[in-house]
Each structure stands twice: as structure tokens, then as C-alpha cells.
């Protein structure tokens, strides 16, 4: 049996928080504790939480971090930064490109995916078709950027990190529905191929 994935929308921005549970050992991890600690705790019911993982440090993804750290008494794993607004996640372990996180008998591969922010990472479920992508990519477009340089970095991330994944990859984003990468590949390739000038901001694949 593969890792069990549980998701809930929390907070005023409908942020997707995720829990992964190993069906063989009962070990679990919580990804992006954005808000609503009681909901987050319920997602981990009947499991043994071992870590809190962050895809990145925007406020809507970490709003309940302090509370969940206190409740679960587990370490926090995240990218070394720089973090958004100089936030200090007090991480026990920093995750960089190619690192792995064990979840019971399974492992997650870390892929750095900057652009939306400098500390954005994705968690690839190994020997699986699922990826927790945070705000790297959504069904309708890439994550928002705040400078033309960051937008160009996003284009690089789409080209070098996202598009090499197989068509059957299912992306689980920080907002909105999950989607099959193959269903979006043509739109993403077209988007990358256009001249966007000095653009930054909210983008859609059709622009």
C-alpha cells in the first residue's frame, strides 16, 4: 500500500495542508500547518507524527506552526532559506536539493523550486506518482511572483524541475485542486515559450 495522503483546506485563503501516513508503521508527517490546529490534529489521528515539513514560509502556510510544534513535540524540516520576511522557523533540519525525508517505510525526495519565493521546495513521493508542490505550480498557472527576476526564476523551475516529471505525475498544490501534469504539459510548454518581457505577478497558462 502507498503512503496515505490526507488533505484539508485551512485558513482564510483556503490553503491546502497535507498529512502523509505510512500504512505499515503508522508514522506520519504534517506538511504546511497553515491554520486551524484542531483540524490539523484530527488529520493525524491514529498515527505517530514524527515531523512538520514546510514547502515554504509564506504566512498562510505557517500560521499554526508554533501551535502544532507545541502540540506534537516534533522537529520542523524546511529549506535553509532565506525565508520570507526573515521568518525563523527554528528548524531542526534543513532540506536542500536531493535530500530525503523518511516517513515510516517510505521516503520523500526534496526538489528545490524557487521563484514564488526563495525557500520553495517540493516533496516527491518516491516510487509513487504524487508530488506535494506547495505554491510552485497550480492547475491554472505558476505561483505569484513579486519581481521580474523571480518570474524568470519560476520559468527556469518549470523547465528544469516540473516538466521532467512524467505525465502521470499528480501535483498537490498549496491552493486549489490537484491535477495530472500531463493534462497541463502543453499549456506549460507554451507559457514558457512566450516572451513575457519584464512581467511579474499572478500569471495564468493562457497569458
Protein backbone atom coordinates (compact mmCIF):
# COMPACT_ATOMS: atom_id res chain seq x y z
CA UNK A 1 0.00 0.00 0.00
CA UNK A 2 1.28 3.50 -0.80
CA UNK A 3 1.52 6.41 1.60
CA UNK A 4 -1.88 7.64 2.73
CA UNK A 5 -2.42 11.31 1.85
CA UNK A 6 -4.95 13.40 3.75
CA UNK A 7 -5.67 17.00 2.78
CA UNK A 8 -7.78 19.80 4.23
CA UNK A 9 -8.28 23.44 3.29
CA UNK A 10 -7.47 25.71 6.22
CA UNK A 11 -7.33 29.42 6.89
CA UNK A 12 -8.92 32.39 5.10
CA UNK A 13 -7.01 31.74 1.84
CA UNK A 14 -8.06 28.11 1.51
CA UNK A 15 -4.52 26.79 1.92
CA UNK A 16 -4.11 23.05 1.39
CA UNK A 17 -2.40 21.34 4.30
CA UNK A 18 -1.33 17.72 3.92
CA UNK A 19 -0.66 14.76 6.16
CA UNK A 20 1.23 11.69 4.91
CA UNK A 21 0.94 8.43 6.83
CA UNK A 22 2.84 5.19 6.36
CA UNK A 23 0.20 2.41 6.34
CA UNK A 24 2.74 -0.13 7.53
CA UNK A 25 4.19 1.68 10.56
CA UNK A 26 1.60 4.37 11.38
CA UNK A 27 4.28 7.07 11.22
CA UNK A 28 3.09 10.41 9.81
CA UNK A 29 4.29 13.89 8.85
CA UNK A 30 2.34 17.14 8.64
CA UNK A 31 3.05 19.46 5.69
CA UNK A 32 2.32 23.22 5.85
CA UNK A 33 0.41 23.85 9.11
CA UNK A 34 -1.32 26.99 7.89
CA UNK A 35 -4.20 27.41 10.36
CA UNK A 36 -6.91 25.61 12.37
CA UNK A 37 -4.81 23.48 14.75
CA UNK A 38 -7.75 21.28 15.73
CA UNK A 39 -8.28 20.34 12.07
CA UNK A 40 -4.57 19.64 11.67
CA UNK A 41 -4.52 17.45 14.77
CA UNK A 42 -7.52 15.49 13.50
CA UNK A 43 -5.68 14.80 10.23
CA UNK A 44 -3.02 12.98 12.25
CA UNK A 45 -5.43 10.86 14.30
CA UNK A 46 -4.39 7.25 14.84
CA UNK A 47 -0.84 7.95 13.64
CA UNK A 48 2.54 8.77 15.17
CA UNK A 49 3.69 12.20 13.92
CA UNK A 50 7.46 12.50 13.52
CA UNK A 51 7.98 15.87 11.81
CA UNK A 52 6.42 19.03 10.44
CA UNK A 53 7.54 19.83 6.88
CA UNK A 54 7.31 23.24 5.20
CA UNK A 55 7.12 23.75 1.45
CA UNK A 56 7.95 27.44 2.09
CA UNK A 57 7.45 30.16 4.71
CA UNK A 58 4.67 32.42 3.44
CA UNK A 59 2.34 33.31 6.29
CA UNK A 60 -0.64 31.31 5.06
CA UNK A 61 1.47 28.12 5.19
CA UNK A 62 2.92 28.59 8.69
CA UNK A 63 0.15 30.28 10.67
CA UNK A 64 -0.29 27.32 13.03
CA UNK A 65 3.36 26.25 13.08
CA UNK A 66 4.08 27.34 16.65
CA UNK A 67 0.91 25.73 17.98
CA UNK A 68 1.45 22.45 16.14
CA UNK A 69 5.09 22.29 17.18
CA UNK A 70 3.93 22.60 20.79
CA UNK A 71 1.12 20.07 20.41
CA UNK A 72 3.12 17.41 18.56
CA UNK A 73 6.58 18.00 20.06
CA UNK A 74 8.23 17.05 16.77
CA UNK A 75 11.03 18.71 14.73
CA UNK A 76 10.46 21.12 11.86
CA UNK A 77 12.14 20.48 8.49
CA UNK A 78 12.41 23.17 5.82
CA UNK A 79 14.70 24.80 3.28
CA UNK A 80 17.61 26.78 4.80
CA UNK A 81 16.32 30.00 3.27
CA UNK A 82 16.41 32.93 3.00
CA UNK A 83 12.92 32.74 4.45
CA UNK A 84 10.03 35.08 3.76
CA UNK A 85 10.22 38.33 5.76
CA UNK A 86 13.22 36.91 7.66
CA UNK A 87 10.96 34.45 9.46
CA UNK A 88 12.82 31.99 11.70
CA UNK A 89 11.14 28.57 11.57
CA UNK A 90 13.54 27.21 14.21
CA UNK A 91 14.15 24.19 12.03
CA UNK A 92 15.83 21.09 13.35
CA UNK A 93 16.83 20.04 9.84
CA UNK A 94 17.38 21.99 6.65
CA UNK A 95 16.28 20.38 3.39
CA UNK A 96 18.09 21.05 0.12
CA UNK A 97 18.03 19.60 -3.40
CA UNK A 98 18.25 15.81 -3.38
CA UNK A 99 17.70 15.33 0.35
CA UNK A 100 15.28 12.66 1.53
CA UNK A 101 12.78 12.52 4.37
CA UNK A 102 11.70 9.17 5.76
CA UNK A 103 8.03 8.60 6.51
CA UNK A 104 7.96 5.15 8.04
CA UNK A 105 8.97 2.72 5.29
CA UNK A 106 8.67 5.37 2.56
CA UNK A 107 10.74 8.35 1.53
CA UNK A 108 10.19 11.83 0.10
CA UNK A 109 12.69 13.38 -2.31
CA UNK A 110 13.29 17.11 -1.92
CA UNK A 111 13.39 19.28 -5.05
CA UNK A 112 14.24 22.96 -4.79
CA UNK A 113 11.73 25.04 -6.78
CA UNK A 114 12.48 28.76 -6.33
CA UNK A 115 10.59 31.60 -7.98
CA UNK A 116 7.43 32.10 -5.94
CA UNK A 117 9.88 32.54 -3.08
CA UNK A 118 13.50 31.62 -2.43
CA UNK A 119 12.78 28.80 0.03
CA UNK A 120 10.14 26.94 -2.00
CA UNK A 121 10.63 23.17 -2.17
CA UNK A 122 8.60 20.23 -3.45
CA UNK A 123 8.25 16.80 -1.86
CA UNK A 124 8.29 13.96 -4.41
CA UNK A 125 6.80 10.74 -3.06
CA UNK A 126 9.35 8.18 -4.24
CA UNK A 127 8.15 5.14 -6.18
CA UNK A 128 4.81 6.95 -6.45
CA UNK A 129 3.14 9.34 -8.88
CA UNK A 130 2.38 12.13 -6.36
CA UNK A 131 4.25 15.35 -5.61
CA UNK A 132 3.46 17.95 -2.93
CA UNK A 133 4.35 21.12 -4.88
CA UNK A 134 3.41 23.93 -2.47
CA UNK A 135 2.92 27.17 -4.41
CA UNK A 136 5.34 26.22 -7.20
CA UNK A 137 2.54 25.45 -9.63
CA UNK A 138 -1.25 25.38 -9.66
CA UNK A 139 -3.77 23.94 -12.09
CA UNK A 140 -4.20 27.36 -13.70
CA UNK A 141 -0.69 28.80 -13.62
CA UNK A 142 2.55 29.21 -11.66
CA UNK A 143 2.81 30.72 -8.20
CA UNK A 144 2.70 34.52 -7.91
CA UNK A 145 5.98 36.41 -8.24
CA UNK A 146 6.99 39.81 -6.88
CA UNK A 147 9.78 40.74 -9.31
CA UNK A 148 10.67 40.08 -12.94
CA UNK A 149 13.80 38.28 -11.72
CA UNK A 150 11.67 35.95 -9.60
CA UNK A 151 9.37 35.33 -12.56
CA UNK A 152 12.35 34.34 -14.72
CA UNK A 153 13.43 32.00 -11.91
CA UNK A 154 9.94 30.48 -11.99
CA UNK A 155 10.31 29.84 -15.72
CA UNK A 156 13.61 28.07 -15.04
CA UNK A 157 11.98 25.98 -12.31
CA UNK A 158 9.13 24.97 -14.62
CA UNK A 159 11.61 23.95 -17.31
CA UNK A 160 14.19 22.15 -15.18
CA UNK A 161 12.17 20.76 -12.25
CA UNK A 162 8.50 20.39 -13.17
CA UNK A 163 8.41 19.42 -16.85
CA UNK A 164 10.86 16.48 -16.47
CA UNK A 165 8.32 14.72 -14.24
CA UNK A 166 6.28 12.03 -16.05
CA UNK A 167 2.85 12.83 -17.46
CA UNK A 168 1.19 10.63 -14.83
CA UNK A 169 2.57 12.80 -12.02
CA UNK A 170 -0.23 14.20 -9.86
CA UNK A 171 0.65 17.61 -8.39
CA UNK A 172 -0.80 18.56 -5.00
CA UNK A 173 -0.57 22.37 -4.70
CA UNK A 174 -0.85 24.79 -1.81
CA UNK A 175 -4.18 26.11 -3.13
CA UNK A 176 -6.86 24.64 -5.37
CA UNK A 177 -7.32 21.14 -6.77
CA UNK A 178 -4.70 18.55 -7.55
CA UNK A 179 -4.05 17.89 -11.23
CA UNK A 180 -2.28 15.49 -13.57
CA UNK A 181 0.85 17.07 -15.04
CA UNK A 182 0.30 15.52 -18.47
CA UNK A 183 -3.00 17.37 -18.76
CA UNK A 184 -1.18 20.71 -18.33
CA UNK A 185 2.09 19.97 -20.13
CA UNK A 186 1.19 21.57 -23.47
CA UNK A 187 -0.06 24.73 -21.75
CA UNK A 188 3.06 24.97 -19.58
CA UNK A 189 5.38 24.47 -22.54
CA UNK A 190 3.53 27.17 -24.47
CA UNK A 191 3.71 29.51 -21.48
CA UNK A 192 7.46 29.03 -21.14
CA UNK A 193 7.97 29.60 -24.84
CA UNK A 194 6.39 33.07 -24.87
CA UNK A 195 8.16 36.39 -24.37
CA UNK A 196 6.75 37.79 -21.12
CA UNK A 197 9.06 40.80 -21.03
CA UNK A 198 9.56 42.19 -17.52
CA UNK A 199 6.35 40.62 -16.20
CA UNK A 200 5.78 39.59 -12.61
CA UNK A 201 2.66 38.95 -10.57
CA UNK A 202 -0.22 36.50 -10.90
CA UNK A 203 0.05 34.52 -14.13
CA UNK A 204 -2.15 32.03 -15.99
CA UNK A 205 -1.06 29.47 -18.54
CA UNK A 206 -3.17 31.23 -21.18
CA UNK A 207 -1.50 34.65 -20.93
